[in-house]
């Protein structure tokens, strides 16, 4: 039910009413009974109470930085800061080659030996 609330962008009371009124939401939940708004509120506050939200945010920021690092190398080291339209195939090929070139550069910076 919490996923439905996020997907439909509804408040606790709104999703409760929508589940009671709409057959498709009840069918999705595969149950006729639905928790009330206070139960949903308690469920939403559980991660905050146990500090899970901070750990999730820290992990998300760690993954985000690892994913964005190759883009930073391509923009700063290879100078690909502006996209020039040369056709979709040429642009895609150029980006593939730049990302392929960024991998050895990241290995060198990390002090890892390059494969022979």
Protein backbone atom coordinates (compact mmCIF):
# COMPACT_ATOMS: atom_id res chain seq x y z
CA UNK A 1 0.00 0.00 0.00
CA UNK A 2 2.93 2.30 0.66
CA UNK A 3 4.13 1.74 -2.91
CA UNK A 4 0.70 2.66 -4.22
CA UNK A 5 0.82 5.80 -2.13
CA UNK A 6 4.18 6.77 -3.66
CA UNK A 7 3.15 5.88 -7.20
CA UNK A 8 -0.18 7.74 -7.05
CA UNK A 9 1.25 10.67 -5.06
CA UNK A 10 -1.51 10.53 -2.46
CA UNK A 11 -1.62 11.36 1.24
CA UNK A 12 -2.30 8.73 3.89
CA UNK A 13 -6.00 9.53 3.94
CA UNK A 14 -6.10 9.81 0.16
CA UNK A 15 -4.68 6.35 -0.45
CA UNK A 16 -6.97 4.90 2.20
CA UNK A 17 -10.01 6.36 0.42
CA UNK A 18 -8.69 5.34 -3.00
CA UNK A 19 -8.26 1.73 -1.90
CA UNK A 20 -11.75 1.60 -0.42
CA UNK A 21 -13.32 3.24 -3.49
CA UNK A 22 -11.30 1.77 -6.35
CA UNK A 23 -11.53 -1.85 -7.41
CA UNK A 24 -8.23 -1.78 -9.33
CA UNK A 25 -6.26 -0.71 -6.25
CA UNK A 26 -7.91 -3.38 -4.13
CA UNK A 27 -7.16 -5.95 -6.83
CA UNK A 28 -3.50 -4.81 -6.91
CA UNK A 29 -3.24 -5.24 -3.16
CA UNK A 30 -4.87 -8.68 -3.49
CA UNK A 31 -6.80 -8.08 -0.27
CA UNK A 32 -10.08 -6.42 0.64
CA UNK A 33 -8.77 -5.03 3.93
CA UNK A 34 -6.61 -1.93 3.94
CA UNK A 35 -4.75 -0.33 6.85
CA UNK A 36 -5.99 3.02 8.05
CA UNK A 37 -4.08 6.31 7.75
CA UNK A 38 -2.51 6.13 11.22
CA UNK A 39 -1.05 2.69 10.46
CA UNK A 40 0.48 4.05 7.27
CA UNK A 41 1.91 7.00 9.18
CA UNK A 42 3.49 4.67 11.74
CA UNK A 43 4.94 2.53 8.94
CA UNK A 44 6.45 5.57 7.20
CA UNK A 45 8.16 6.74 10.39
CA UNK A 46 9.79 3.37 11.18
CA UNK A 47 12.93 3.99 9.04
CA UNK A 48 13.44 7.39 10.68
CA UNK A 49 13.04 5.90 14.14
CA UNK A 50 15.68 3.23 13.59
CA UNK A 51 18.14 5.40 11.60
CA UNK A 52 17.70 3.42 8.41
CA UNK A 53 17.03 6.54 6.35
CA UNK A 54 20.51 7.96 7.06
CA UNK A 55 22.20 4.71 6.05
CA UNK A 56 20.18 4.54 2.84
CA UNK A 57 21.05 8.15 1.96
CA UNK A 58 24.74 7.52 2.64
CA UNK A 59 24.71 4.45 0.41
CA UNK A 60 22.84 6.31 -2.35
CA UNK A 61 25.35 9.17 -2.28
CA UNK A 62 28.26 6.70 -2.42
CA UNK A 63 26.81 4.98 -5.48
CA UNK A 64 25.97 8.32 -7.09
CA UNK A 65 29.57 9.53 -6.71
CA UNK A 66 30.92 6.31 -8.25
CA UNK A 67 28.57 6.62 -11.20
CA UNK A 68 29.23 10.31 -11.79
CA UNK A 69 33.04 10.04 -11.62
CA UNK A 70 33.51 8.78 -15.23
CA UNK A 71 31.34 11.65 -16.47
CA UNK A 72 33.59 14.11 -14.63
CA UNK A 73 36.68 12.61 -16.26
CA UNK A 74 35.10 12.77 -19.71
CA UNK A 75 34.08 16.39 -19.22
CA UNK A 76 37.31 17.69 -17.67
CA UNK A 77 40.09 15.48 -19.02
CA UNK A 78 38.77 14.87 -22.52
CA UNK A 79 36.94 18.21 -22.89
CA UNK A 80 33.55 16.77 -23.76
CA UNK A 81 31.50 19.44 -22.05
CA UNK A 82 29.24 20.41 -24.94
CA UNK A 83 27.41 17.98 -27.16
CA UNK A 84 27.83 18.55 -30.85
CA UNK A 85 25.28 17.00 -33.14
CA UNK A 86 27.09 14.74 -35.58
CA UNK A 87 24.42 12.14 -35.91
CA UNK A 88 23.22 9.74 -33.28
CA UNK A 89 25.56 6.94 -34.30
CA UNK A 90 28.65 9.16 -34.28
CA UNK A 91 27.75 10.70 -30.92
CA UNK A 92 27.11 7.27 -29.41
CA UNK A 93 30.38 5.90 -30.81
CA UNK A 94 32.32 8.90 -29.49
CA UNK A 95 30.82 8.49 -26.01
CA UNK A 96 31.58 4.76 -26.00
CA UNK A 97 35.21 5.48 -26.88
CA UNK A 98 35.47 8.22 -24.24
CA UNK A 99 34.10 5.94 -21.52
CA UNK A 100 36.44 3.18 -22.69
CA UNK A 101 39.33 5.64 -22.45
CA UNK A 102 38.24 6.82 -19.01
CA UNK A 103 38.56 3.33 -17.48
CA UNK A 104 42.38 3.04 -17.85
CA UNK A 105 42.78 6.62 -16.67
CA UNK A 106 40.81 5.84 -13.49
CA UNK A 107 42.94 2.70 -12.97
CA UNK A 108 46.15 4.71 -13.32
CA UNK A 109 44.92 7.32 -10.86
CA UNK A 110 43.94 4.63 -8.38
CA UNK A 111 47.43 3.08 -8.63
CA UNK A 112 46.26 -0.14 -10.21
CA UNK A 113 48.46 -1.76 -12.87
CA UNK A 114 47.02 -1.83 -16.36
CA UNK A 115 46.38 -5.26 -17.88
CA UNK A 116 48.83 -6.26 -20.58
